[in-house]
Amino acid sequence: MSASDSNGKDHPPIAEIDRLIHEPARLMIMAYLYVVESADFLFLMRQTGLTHGNLSSHMSKLEAAGYIEIVKEFVDRKPHTMLQLTDKGRAAFQKYRQSMMQVFDDLP
């Protein structure tokens, strides 16, 4: 199945893939957050293998898109960062999954 653009031209489902999510590090972050209510920064860093700076950079991009919410607080005077998908992020990830399944289903 193909999607149509504003001119009525068909283009393949792969053209519909959300490139923000498709980047491997951000895909890992989104996938982990999709299956939990929330996760802390250190948990995601360990699970994804990303460095502190790399994870922070990708988090900022996902937050700017409105896909994740970042809550920073102090616990026992130590900084603690929690992340969770927003409703928009959850919907975007579901659409991404559906689009990817369609891409594979359309292969000969």
PDB file of N, CA and C in Angstrom:
ATOM      1  N   MET A   1       0.844  -1.166   0.000  1.00  0.00           N
ATOM      2  CA  MET A   1       0.000   0.000   0.000  1.00  0.00           C
ATOM      3  C   MET A   1       0.889   1.227   0.000  1.00  0.00           C
ATOM      4  N   SER A   2       0.567   2.203  -0.802  1.00  0.00           N
ATOM      5  CA  SER A   2       1.330   3.436  -0.898  1.00  0.00           C
ATOM      6  C   SER A   2       0.537   4.571  -0.284  1.00  0.00           C
ATOM      7  N   ALA A   3       1.267   5.586   0.152  1.00  0.00           N
ATOM      8  CA  ALA A   3       0.631   6.794   0.659  1.00  0.00           C
ATOM      9  C   ALA A   3       0.657   7.826  -0.456  1.00  0.00           C
ATOM     10  N   SER A   4      -0.241   8.794  -0.372  1.00  0.00           N
ATOM     11  CA  SER A   4      -0.294   9.852  -1.372  1.00  0.00           C
ATOM     12  C   SER A   4       0.132  11.163  -0.751  1.00  0.00           C
ATOM     13  N   ASP A   5       0.839  11.978  -1.542  1.00  0.00           N
ATOM     14  CA  ASP A   5       1.206  13.298  -1.046  1.00  0.00           C
ATOM     15  C   ASP A   5       0.115  14.296  -1.422  1.00  0.00           C
ATOM     16  N   SER A   6       0.348  15.563  -1.150  1.00  0.00           N
ATOM     17  CA  SER A   6      -0.673  16.576  -1.394  1.00  0.00           C
ATOM     18  C   SER A   6      -1.015  16.729  -2.873  1.00  0.00           C
ATOM     19  N   ASN A   7      -0.155  16.244  -3.759  1.00  0.00           N
ATOM     20  CA  ASN A   7      -0.416  16.310  -5.195  1.00  0.00           C
ATOM     21  C   ASN A   7      -1.086  15.035  -5.709  1.00  0.00           C
ATOM     22  N   GLY A   8      -1.403  14.114  -4.795  1.00  0.00           N
ATOM     23  CA  GLY A   8      -2.059  12.875  -5.191  1.00  0.00           C
ATOM     24  C   GLY A   8      -1.112  11.823  -5.728  1.00  0.00           C
ATOM     25  N   LYS A   9       0.210  12.092  -5.676  1.00  0.00           N
ATOM     26  CA  LYS A   9       1.193  11.125  -6.162  1.00  0.00           C
ATOM     27  C   LYS A   9       1.456  10.080  -5.089  1.00  0.00           C
ATOM     28  N   ASP A  10       1.539   8.824  -5.500  1.00  0.00           N
ATOM     29  CA  ASP A  10       1.843   7.747  -4.568  1.00  0.00           C
ATOM     30  C   ASP A  10       3.343   7.687  -4.307  1.00  0.00           C
ATOM     31  N   HIS A  11       3.694   7.390  -3.062  1.00  0.00           N
ATOM     32  CA  HIS A  11       5.084   7.137  -2.719  1.00  0.00           C
ATOM     33  C   HIS A  11       5.120   5.968  -1.751  1.00  0.00           C
ATOM     34  N   PRO A  12       6.237   5.265  -1.715  1.00  0.00           N
ATOM     35  CA  PRO A  12       6.327   4.044  -0.907  1.00  0.00           C
ATOM     36  C   PRO A  12       6.217   4.341   0.594  1.00  0.00           C
ATOM     37  N   PRO A  13       5.776   3.351   1.381  1.00  0.00           N
ATOM     38  CA  PRO A  13       5.633   3.532   2.828  1.00  0.00           C
ATOM     39  C   PRO A  13       6.927   3.960   3.519  1.00  0.00           C
ATOM     40  N   ILE A  14       8.060   3.582   2.962  1.00  0.00           N
ATOM     41  CA  ILE A  14       9.323   3.952   3.607  1.00  0.00           C
ATOM     42  C   ILE A  14       9.493   5.470   3.639  1.00  0.00           C
ATOM     43  N   ALA A  15       8.860   6.162   2.716  1.00  0.00           N
ATOM     44  CA  ALA A  15       8.928   7.622   2.701  1.00  0.00           C
ATOM     45  C   ALA A  15       8.176   8.222   3.886  1.00  0.00           C
ATOM     46  N   GLU A  16       7.313   7.438   4.504  1.00  0.00           N
ATOM     47  CA  GLU A  16       6.516   7.901   5.645  1.00  0.00           C
ATOM     48  C   GLU A  16       7.210   7.668   6.987  1.00  0.00           C
ATOM     49  N   ILE A  17       8.369   7.023   6.985  1.00  0.00           N
ATOM     50  CA  ILE A  17       9.061   6.695   8.235  1.00  0.00           C
ATOM     51  C   ILE A  17       9.512   7.978   8.932  1.00  0.00           C
ATOM     52  N   ASP A  18       9.236   8.054  10.234  1.00  0.00           N
ATOM     53  CA  ASP A  18       9.644   9.195  11.056  1.00  0.00           C
ATOM     54  C   ASP A  18      11.156   9.115  11.258  1.00  0.00           C
ATOM     55  N   ARG A  19      11.891   9.973  10.590  1.00  0.00           N
ATOM     56  CA  ARG A  19      13.354   9.919  10.623  1.00  0.00           C
ATOM     57  C   ARG A  19      13.924  10.284  11.995  1.00  0.00           C
ATOM     58  N   LEU A  20      13.186  11.057  12.766  1.00  0.00           N
ATOM     59  CA  LEU A  20      13.636  11.379  14.112  1.00  0.00           C
ATOM     60  C   LEU A  20      13.704  10.112  14.961  1.00  0.00           C
ATOM     61  N   ILE A  21      12.699   9.268  14.855  1.00  0.00           N
ATOM     62  CA  ILE A  21      12.668   8.013  15.602  1.00  0.00           C
ATOM     63  C   ILE A  21      13.594   6.978  14.967  1.00  0.00           C
ATOM     64  N   HIS A  22      13.713   6.988  13.647  1.00  0.00           N
ATOM     65  CA  HIS A  22      14.441   5.944  12.923  1.00  0.00           C
ATOM     66  C   HIS A  22      15.942   5.908  13.243  1.00  0.00           C
ATOM     67  N   GLU A  23      16.512   7.010  13.706  1.00  0.00           N
ATOM     68  CA  GLU A  23      17.933   7.035  14.067  1.00  0.00           C
ATOM     69  C   GLU A  23      18.141   5.997  15.166  1.00  0.00           C
ATOM     70  N   PRO A  24      19.145   5.095  15.027  1.00  0.00           N
ATOM     71  CA  PRO A  24      19.270   3.953  15.938  1.00  0.00           C
ATOM     72  C   PRO A  24      19.257   4.270  17.441  1.00  0.00           C
ATOM     73  N   ALA A  25      19.978   5.275  17.871  1.00  0.00           N
ATOM     74  CA  ALA A  25      20.011   5.585  19.305  1.00  0.00           C
ATOM     75  C   ALA A  25      18.641   6.054  19.787  1.00  0.00           C
ATOM     76  N   ARG A  26      17.985   6.908  19.008  1.00  0.00           N
ATOM     77  CA  ARG A  26      16.662   7.391  19.406  1.00  0.00           C
ATOM     78  C   ARG A  26      15.625   6.277  19.324  1.00  0.00           C
ATOM     79  N   LEU A  27      15.782   5.368  18.385  1.00  0.00           N
ATOM     80  CA  LEU A  27      14.883   4.216  18.299  1.00  0.00           C
ATOM     81  C   LEU A  27      14.998   3.361  19.566  1.00  0.00           C
ATOM     82  N   MET A  28      16.225   3.154  20.042  1.00  0.00           N
ATOM     83  CA  MET A  28      16.406   2.393  21.285  1.00  0.00           C
ATOM     84  C   MET A  28      15.738   3.096  22.460  1.00  0.00           C
ATOM     85  N   ILE A  29      15.941   4.396  22.563  1.00  0.00           N
ATOM     86  CA  ILE A  29      15.345   5.163  23.668  1.00  0.00           C
ATOM     87  C   ILE A  29      13.830   5.059  23.607  1.00  0.00           C
ATOM     88  N   MET A  30      13.266   5.290  22.440  1.00  0.00           N
ATOM     89  CA  MET A  30      11.808   5.240  22.281  1.00  0.00           C
ATOM     90  C   MET A  30      11.270   3.845  22.580  1.00  0.00           C
ATOM     91  N   ALA A  31      11.974   2.813  22.124  1.00  0.00           N
ATOM     92  CA  ALA A  31      11.519   1.435  22.348  1.00  0.00           C
ATOM     93  C   ALA A  31      11.514   1.100  23.837  1.00  0.00           C
ATOM     94  N   TYR A  32      12.564   1.471  24.556  1.00  0.00           N
ATOM     95  CA  TYR A  32      12.591   1.215  25.999  1.00  0.00           C
ATOM     96  C   TYR A  32      11.471   1.977  26.707  1.00  0.00           C
ATOM     97  N   LEU A  33      11.281   3.235  26.337  1.00  0.00           N
ATOM     98  CA  LEU A  33      10.248   4.034  27.005  1.00  0.00           C
ATOM     99  C   LEU A  33       8.839   3.578  26.642  1.00  0.00           C
ATOM    100  N   TYR A  34       8.692   2.952  25.488  1.00  0.00           N
ATOM    101  CA  TYR A  34       7.374   2.486  25.041  1.00  0.00           C
ATOM    102  C   TYR A  34       6.835   1.385  25.947  1.00  0.00           C
ATOM    103  N   VAL A  35       7.718   0.577  26.508  1.00  0.00           N
ATOM    104  CA  VAL A  35       7.273  -0.586  27.288  1.00  0.00           C
ATOM    105  C   VAL A  35       7.276  -0.353  28.805  1.00  0.00           C
ATOM    106  N   VAL A  36       7.653   0.834  29.236  1.00  0.00           N
ATOM    107  CA  VAL A  36       7.634   1.164  30.664  1.00  0.00           C
ATOM    108  C   VAL A  36       6.871   2.471  30.867  1.00  0.00           C
ATOM    109  N   GLU A  37       6.447   2.696  32.091  1.00  0.00           N
ATOM    110  CA  GLU A  37       5.762   3.963  32.399  1.00  0.00           C
ATOM    111  C   GLU A  37       6.755   5.120  32.358  1.00  0.00           C
ATOM    112  N   SER A  38       7.942   4.889  32.934  1.00  0.00           N
ATOM    113  CA  SER A  38       9.017   5.878  32.905  1.00  0.00           C
ATOM    114  C   SER A  38      10.325   5.148  33.207  1.00  0.00           C
ATOM    115  N   ALA A  39      11.431   5.812  32.933  1.00  0.00           N
ATOM    116  CA  ALA A  39      12.745   5.212  33.189  1.00  0.00           C
ATOM    117  C   ALA A  39      13.705   6.318  33.583  1.00  0.00           C
ATOM    118  N   ASP A  40      14.663   5.966  34.442  1.00  0.00           N
ATOM    119  CA  ASP A  40      15.618   7.006  34.809  1.00  0.00           C
ATOM    120  C   ASP A  40      16.804   6.998  33.844  1.00  0.00           C
ATOM    121  N   PHE A  41      17.491   8.125  33.860  1.00  0.00           N
ATOM    122  CA  PHE A  41      18.574   8.381  32.929  1.00  0.00           C
ATOM    123  C   PHE A  41      19.638   7.277  32.979  1.00  0.00           C
ATOM    124  N   LEU A  42      20.064   6.900  34.181  1.00  0.00           N
ATOM    125  CA  LEU A  42      21.128   5.892  34.310  1.00  0.00           C
ATOM    126  C   LEU A  42      20.686   4.535  33.783  1.00  0.00           C
ATOM    127  N   PHE A  43      19.424   4.176  34.003  1.00  0.00           N
ATOM    128  CA  PHE A  43      18.889   2.926  33.461  1.00  0.00           C
ATOM    129  C   PHE A  43      18.993   2.937  31.934  1.00  0.00           C
ATOM    130  N   LEU A  44      18.547   4.024  31.316  1.00  0.00           N
ATOM    131  CA  LEU A  44      18.604   4.116  29.848  1.00  0.00           C
ATOM    132  C   LEU A  44      20.044   4.122  29.349  1.00  0.00           C
ATOM    133  N   MET A  45      20.922   4.775  30.083  1.00  0.00           N
ATOM    134  CA  MET A  45      22.320   4.803  29.675  1.00  0.00           C
ATOM    135  C   MET A  45      22.898   3.383  29.677  1.00  0.00           C
ATOM    136  N   ARG A  46      22.602   2.622  30.721  1.00  0.00           N
ATOM    137  CA  ARG A  46      23.097   1.235  30.795  1.00  0.00           C
ATOM    138  C   ARG A  46      22.456   0.357  29.716  1.00  0.00           C
ATOM    139  N   GLN A  47      21.152   0.485  29.527  1.00  0.00           N
ATOM    140  CA  GLN A  47      20.447  -0.374  28.577  1.00  0.00           C
ATOM    141  C   GLN A  47      20.848  -0.104  27.134  1.00  0.00           C
ATOM    142  N   THR A  48      21.066   1.163  26.807  1.00  0.00           N
ATOM    143  CA  THR A  48      21.366   1.522  25.420  1.00  0.00           C
ATOM    144  C   THR A  48      22.860   1.502  25.101  1.00  0.00           C
ATOM    145  N   GLY A  49      23.700   1.596  26.139  1.00  0.00           N
ATOM    146  CA  GLY A  49      25.141   1.657  25.896  1.00  0.00           C
ATOM    147  C   GLY A  49      25.609   3.027  25.436  1.00  0.00           C
ATOM    148  N   LEU A  50      24.734   4.015  25.496  1.00  0.00           N
ATOM    149  CA  LEU A  50      25.096   5.365  25.081  1.00  0.00           C
ATOM    150  C   LEU A  50      25.875   6.068  26.194  1.00  0.00           C
ATOM    151  N   THR A  51      26.737   6.990  25.803  1.00  0.00           N
ATOM    152  CA  THR A  51      27.449   7.791  26.792  1.00  0.00           C
ATOM    153  C   THR A  51      26.488   8.838  27.365  1.00  0.00           C
ATOM    154  N   HIS A  52      26.896   9.447  28.458  1.00  0.00           N
ATOM    155  CA  HIS A  52      26.084  10.486  29.104  1.00  0.00           C
ATOM    156  C   HIS A  52      25.736  11.597  28.107  1.00  0.00           C
ATOM    157  N   GLY A  53      26.759  12.102  27.416  1.00  0.00           N
ATOM    158  CA  GLY A  53      26.547  13.198  26.470  1.00  0.00           C
ATOM    159  C   GLY A  53      25.699  12.805  25.280  1.00  0.00           C
ATOM    160  N   ASN A  54      25.920  11.592  24.770  1.00  0.00           N
ATOM    161  CA  ASN A  54      25.168  11.115  23.613  1.00  0.00           C
ATOM    162  C   ASN A  54      23.691  10.937  23.975  1.00  0.00           C
ATOM    163  N   LEU A  55      23.422  10.316  25.130  1.00  0.00           N
ATOM    164  CA  LEU A  55      22.040  10.136  25.568  1.00  0.00           C
ATOM    165  C   LEU A  55      21.373  11.485  25.781  1.00  0.00           C
ATOM    166  N   SER A  56      22.075  12.411  26.413  1.00  0.00           N
ATOM    167  CA  SER A  56      21.519  13.752  26.645  1.00  0.00           C
ATOM    168  C   SER A  56      21.151  14.443  25.334  1.00  0.00           C
ATOM    169  N   SER A  57      22.024  14.321  24.349  1.00  0.00           N
ATOM    170  CA  SER A  57      21.790  14.946  23.046  1.00  0.00           C
ATOM    171  C   SER A  57      20.534  14.378  22.376  1.00  0.00           C
ATOM    172  N   HIS A  58      20.395  13.064  22.387  1.00  0.00           N
ATOM    173  CA  HIS A  58      19.230  12.435  21.760  1.00  0.00           C
ATOM    174  C   HIS A  58      17.954  12.737  22.548  1.00  0.00           C
ATOM    175  N   MET A  59      18.063  12.786  23.871  1.00  0.00           N
ATOM    176  CA  MET A  59      16.909  13.142  24.708  1.00  0.00           C
ATOM    177  C   MET A  59      16.413  14.540  24.353  1.00  0.00           C
ATOM    178  N   SER A  60      17.343  15.461  24.162  1.00  0.00           N
ATOM    179  CA  SER A  60      16.971  16.845  23.829  1.00  0.00           C
ATOM    180  C   SER A  60      16.187  16.912  22.525  1.00  0.00           C
ATOM    181  N   LYS A  61      16.615  16.134  21.537  1.00  0.00           N
ATOM    182  CA  LYS A  61      15.913  16.127  20.242  1.00  0.00           C
ATOM    183  C   LYS A  61      14.515  15.541  20.381  1.00  0.00           C
ATOM    184  N   LEU A  62      14.393  14.467  21.160  1.00  0.00           N
ATOM    185  CA  LEU A  62      13.079  13.845  21.360  1.00  0.00           C
ATOM    186  C   LEU A  62      12.163  14.757  22.183  1.00  0.00           C
ATOM    187  N   GLU A  63      12.744  15.456  23.146  1.00  0.00           N
ATOM    188  CA  GLU A  63      11.958  16.388  23.954  1.00  0.00           C
ATOM    189  C   GLU A  63      11.496  17.570  23.100  1.00  0.00           C
ATOM    190  N   ALA A  64      12.373  18.095  22.261  1.00  0.00           N
ATOM    191  CA  ALA A  64      12.018  19.226  21.387  1.00  0.00           C
ATOM    192  C   ALA A  64      10.878  18.856  20.436  1.00  0.00           C
ATOM    193  N   ALA A  65      10.822  17.592  20.031  1.00  0.00           N
ATOM    194  CA  ALA A  65       9.750  17.120  19.141  1.00  0.00           C
ATOM    195  C   ALA A  65       8.453  16.864  19.914  1.00  0.00           C
ATOM    196  N   GLY A  66       8.540  16.895  21.247  1.00  0.00           N
ATOM    197  CA  GLY A  66       7.364  16.619  22.063  1.00  0.00           C
ATOM    198  C   GLY A  66       7.104  15.134  22.268  1.00  0.00           C
ATOM    199  N   TYR A  67       8.116  14.303  21.990  1.00  0.00           N
ATOM    200  CA  TYR A  67       7.955  12.855  22.096  1.00  0.00           C
ATOM    201  C   TYR A  67       8.215  12.325  23.506  1.00  0.00           C
ATOM    202  N   ILE A  68       9.077  13.011  24.261  1.00  0.00           N
ATOM    203  CA  ILE A  68       9.339  12.578  25.624  1.00  0.00           C
ATOM    204  C   ILE A  68       9.224  13.759  26.574  1.00  0.00           C
ATOM    205  N   GLU A  69       8.963  13.420  27.827  1.00  0.00           N
ATOM    206  CA  GLU A  69       8.967  14.407  28.898  1.00  0.00           C
ATOM    207  C   GLU A  69      10.138  14.059  29.804  1.00  0.00           C
ATOM    208  N   ILE A  70      10.890  15.076  30.200  1.00  0.00           N
ATOM    209  CA  ILE A  70      12.039  14.884  31.077  1.00  0.00           C
ATOM    210  C   ILE A  70      11.737  15.598  32.387  1.00  0.00           C
ATOM    211  N   VAL A  71      11.836  14.847  33.482  1.00  0.00           N
ATOM    212  CA  VAL A  71      11.595  15.409  34.813  1.00  0.00           C
ATOM    213  C   VAL A  71      12.892  15.312  35.599  1.00  0.00           C
ATOM    214  N   LYS A  72      13.421  16.485  35.986  1.00  0.00           N
ATOM    215  CA  LYS A  72      14.661  16.526  36.762  1.00  0.00           C
ATOM    216  C   LYS A  72      14.324  16.933  38.181  1.00  0.00           C
ATOM    217  N   GLU A  73      14.897  16.188  39.126  1.00  0.00           N
ATOM    218  CA  GLU A  73      14.678  16.482  40.538  1.00  0.00           C
ATOM    219  C   GLU A  73      15.926  16.075  41.312  1.00  0.00           C
ATOM    220  N   PHE A  74      15.905  16.335  42.601  1.00  0.00           N
ATOM    221  CA  PHE A  74      17.001  15.904  43.461  1.00  0.00           C
ATOM    222  C   PHE A  74      16.473  14.858  44.427  1.00  0.00           C
ATOM    223  N   VAL A  75      17.222  13.765  44.573  1.00  0.00           N
ATOM    224  CA  VAL A  75      16.899  12.714  45.524  1.00  0.00           C
ATOM    225  C   VAL A  75      18.128  12.577  46.425  1.00  0.00           C
ATOM    226  N   ASP A  76      17.933  12.808  47.703  1.00  0.00           N
ATOM    227  CA  ASP A  76      19.059  12.808  48.649  1.00  0.00           C
ATOM    228  C   ASP A  76      20.181  13.720  48.162  1.00  0.00           C
ATOM    229  N   ARG A  77      19.804  14.902  47.705  1.00  0.00           N
ATOM    230  CA  ARG A  77      20.724  15.937  47.217  1.00  0.00           C
ATOM    231  C   ARG A  77      21.522  15.523  45.981  1.00  0.00           C
ATOM    232  N   LYS A  78      21.067  14.486  45.300  1.00  0.00           N
ATOM    233  CA  LYS A  78      21.716  14.061  44.055  1.00  0.00           C
ATOM    234  C   LYS A  78      20.726  14.281  42.912  1.00  0.00           C
ATOM    235  N   PRO A  79      21.220  14.758  41.759  1.00  0.00           N
ATOM    236  CA  PRO A  79      20.314  14.950  40.623  1.00  0.00           C
ATOM    237  C   PRO A  79      19.756  13.615  40.128  1.00  0.00           C
ATOM    238  N   HIS A  80      18.489  13.623  39.779  1.00  0.00           N
ATOM    239  CA  HIS A  80      17.814  12.419  39.300  1.00  0.00           C
ATOM    240  C   HIS A  80      16.938  12.831  38.121  1.00  0.00           C
ATOM    241  N   THR A  81      17.128  12.172  36.987  1.00  0.00           N
ATOM    242  CA  THR A  81      16.397  12.508  35.763  1.00  0.00           C
ATOM    243  C   THR A  81      15.539  11.329  35.345  1.00  0.00           C
ATOM    244  N   MET A  82      14.253  11.595  35.181  1.00  0.00           N
ATOM    245  CA  MET A  82      13.306  10.574  34.726  1.00  0.00           C
ATOM    246  C   MET A  82      12.789  10.970  33.350  1.00  0.00           C
ATOM    247  N   LEU A  83      12.551   9.958  32.518  1.00  0.00           N
ATOM    248  CA  LEU A  83      12.026  10.183  31.178  1.00  0.00           C
ATOM    249  C   LEU A  83      10.784   9.337  30.980  1.00  0.00           C
ATOM    250  N   GLN A  84       9.848   9.872  30.210  1.00  0.00           N
ATOM    251  CA  GLN A  84       8.682   9.088  29.823  1.00  0.00           C
ATOM    252  C   GLN A  84       8.168   9.596  28.485  1.00  0.00           C
ATOM    253  N   LEU A  85       7.512   8.689  27.773  1.00  0.00           N
ATOM    254  CA  LEU A  85       6.902   9.084  26.504  1.00  0.00           C
ATOM    255  C   LEU A  85       5.694   9.966  26.789  1.00  0.00           C
ATOM    256  N   THR A  86       5.505  10.967  25.952  1.00  0.00           N
ATOM    257  CA  THR A  86       4.282  11.752  25.995  1.00  0.00           C
ATOM    258  C   THR A  86       3.231  11.012  25.166  1.00  0.00           C
ATOM    259  N   ASP A  87       2.001  11.464  25.213  1.00  0.00           N
ATOM    260  CA  ASP A  87       0.970  10.861  24.358  1.00  0.00           C
ATOM    261  C   ASP A  87       1.362  11.002  22.886  1.00  0.00           C
ATOM    262  N   LYS A  88       1.925  12.161  22.537  1.00  0.00           N
ATOM    263  CA  LYS A  88       2.374  12.384  21.159  1.00  0.00           C
ATOM    264  C   LYS A  88       3.491  11.412  20.789  1.00  0.00           C
ATOM    265  N   GLY A  89       4.425  11.171  21.725  1.00  0.00           N
ATOM    266  CA  GLY A  89       5.527  10.247  21.484  1.00  0.00           C
ATOM    267  C   GLY A  89       5.049   8.814  21.339  1.00  0.00           C
ATOM    268  N   ARG A  90       4.088   8.434  22.182  1.00  0.00           N
ATOM    269  CA  ARG A  90       3.529   7.079  22.113  1.00  0.00           C
ATOM    270  C   ARG A  90       2.827   6.880  20.763  1.00  0.00           C
ATOM    271  N   ALA A  91       2.057   7.866  20.343  1.00  0.00           N
ATOM    272  CA  ALA A  91       1.358   7.780  19.047  1.00  0.00           C
ATOM    273  C   ALA A  91       2.365   7.741  17.893  1.00  0.00           C
ATOM    274  N   ALA A  92       3.419   8.555  17.980  1.00  0.00           N
ATOM    275  CA  ALA A  92       4.437   8.578  16.922  1.00  0.00           C
ATOM    276  C   ALA A  92       5.157   7.240  16.835  1.00  0.00           C
ATOM    277  N   PHE A  93       5.440   6.623  17.986  1.00  0.00           N
ATOM    278  CA  PHE A  93       6.117   5.332  17.974  1.00  0.00           C
ATOM    279  C   PHE A  93       5.206   4.251  17.411  1.00  0.00           C
ATOM    280  N   GLN A  94       3.929   4.282  17.752  1.00  0.00           N
ATOM    281  CA  GLN A  94       2.981   3.308  17.197  1.00  0.00           C
ATOM    282  C   GLN A  94       2.891   3.461  15.679  1.00  0.00           C
ATOM    283  N   LYS A  95       2.846   4.709  15.204  1.00  0.00           N
ATOM    284  CA  LYS A  95       2.796   4.953  13.758  1.00  0.00           C
ATOM    285  C   LYS A  95       4.089   4.469  13.099  1.00  0.00           C
ATOM    286  N   TYR A  96       5.225   4.716  13.756  1.00  0.00           N
ATOM    287  CA  TYR A  96       6.515   4.257  13.236  1.00  0.00           C
ATOM    288  C   TYR A  96       6.508   2.729  13.084  1.00  0.00           C
ATOM    289  N   ARG A  97       6.062   2.035  14.120  1.00  0.00           N
ATOM    290  CA  ARG A  97       6.005   0.569  14.077  1.00  0.00           C
ATOM    291  C   ARG A  97       5.116   0.091  12.927  1.00  0.00           C
ATOM    292  N   GLN A  98       3.948   0.714  12.778  1.00  0.00           N
ATOM    293  CA  GLN A  98       3.030   0.326  11.701  1.00  0.00           C
ATOM    294  C   GLN A  98       3.657   0.588  10.331  1.00  0.00           C
ATOM    295  N   SER A  99       4.323   1.723  10.197  1.00  0.00           N
ATOM    296  CA  SER A  99       4.967   2.058   8.927  1.00  0.00           C
ATOM    297  C   SER A  99       6.073   1.061   8.595  1.00  0.00           C
ATOM    298  N   MET A 100       6.861   0.682   9.595  1.00  0.00           N
ATOM    299  CA  MET A 100       7.932  -0.284   9.357  1.00  0.00           C
ATOM    300  C   MET A 100       7.361  -1.651   8.991  1.00  0.00           C
ATOM    301  N   MET A 101       6.300  -2.064   9.659  1.00  0.00           N
ATOM    302  CA  MET A 101       5.673  -3.344   9.315  1.00  0.00           C
ATOM    303  C   MET A 101       5.166  -3.312   7.877  1.00  0.00           C
ATOM    304  N   GLN A 102       4.610  -2.184   7.458  1.00  0.00           N
ATOM    305  CA  GLN A 102       4.109  -2.043   6.098  1.00  0.00           C
ATOM    306  C   GLN A 102       5.256  -2.127   5.091  1.00  0.00           C
ATOM    307  N   VAL A 103       6.367  -1.506   5.423  1.00  0.00           N
ATOM    308  CA  VAL A 103       7.544  -1.568   4.542  1.00  0.00           C
ATOM    309  C   VAL A 103       7.951  -3.020   4.319  1.00  0.00           C
ATOM    310  N   PHE A 104       8.023  -3.797   5.397  1.00  0.00           N
ATOM    311  CA  PHE A 104       8.421  -5.209   5.269  1.00  0.00           C
ATOM    312  C   PHE A 104       7.348  -6.048   4.594  1.00  0.00           C
ATOM    313  N   ASP A 105       6.084  -5.764   4.877  1.00  0.00           N
ATOM    314  CA  ASP A 105       4.992  -6.509   4.242  1.00  0.00           C
ATOM    315  C   ASP A 105       4.963  -6.277   2.734  1.00  0.00           C
ATOM    316  N   ASP A 106       5.398  -5.097   2.296  1.00  0.00           N
ATOM    317  CA  ASP A 106       5.362  -4.768   0.860  1.00  0.00           C
ATOM    318  C   ASP A 106       6.550  -5.322   0.080  1.00  0.00           C
ATOM    319  N   LEU A 107       7.524  -5.905   0.782  1.00  0.00           N
ATOM    320  CA  LEU A 107       8.667  -6.481   0.047  1.00  0.00           C
ATOM    321  C   LEU A 107       8.210  -7.697  -0.750  1.00  0.00           C
ATOM    322  N   PRO A 108       8.824  -7.882  -1.921  1.00  0.00           N
ATOM    323  CA  PRO A 108       8.424  -9.041  -2.739  1.00  0.00           C
ATOM    324  C   PRO A 108       8.795 -10.353  -2.103  1.00  0.00           C
TER     325      PRO A 108
END
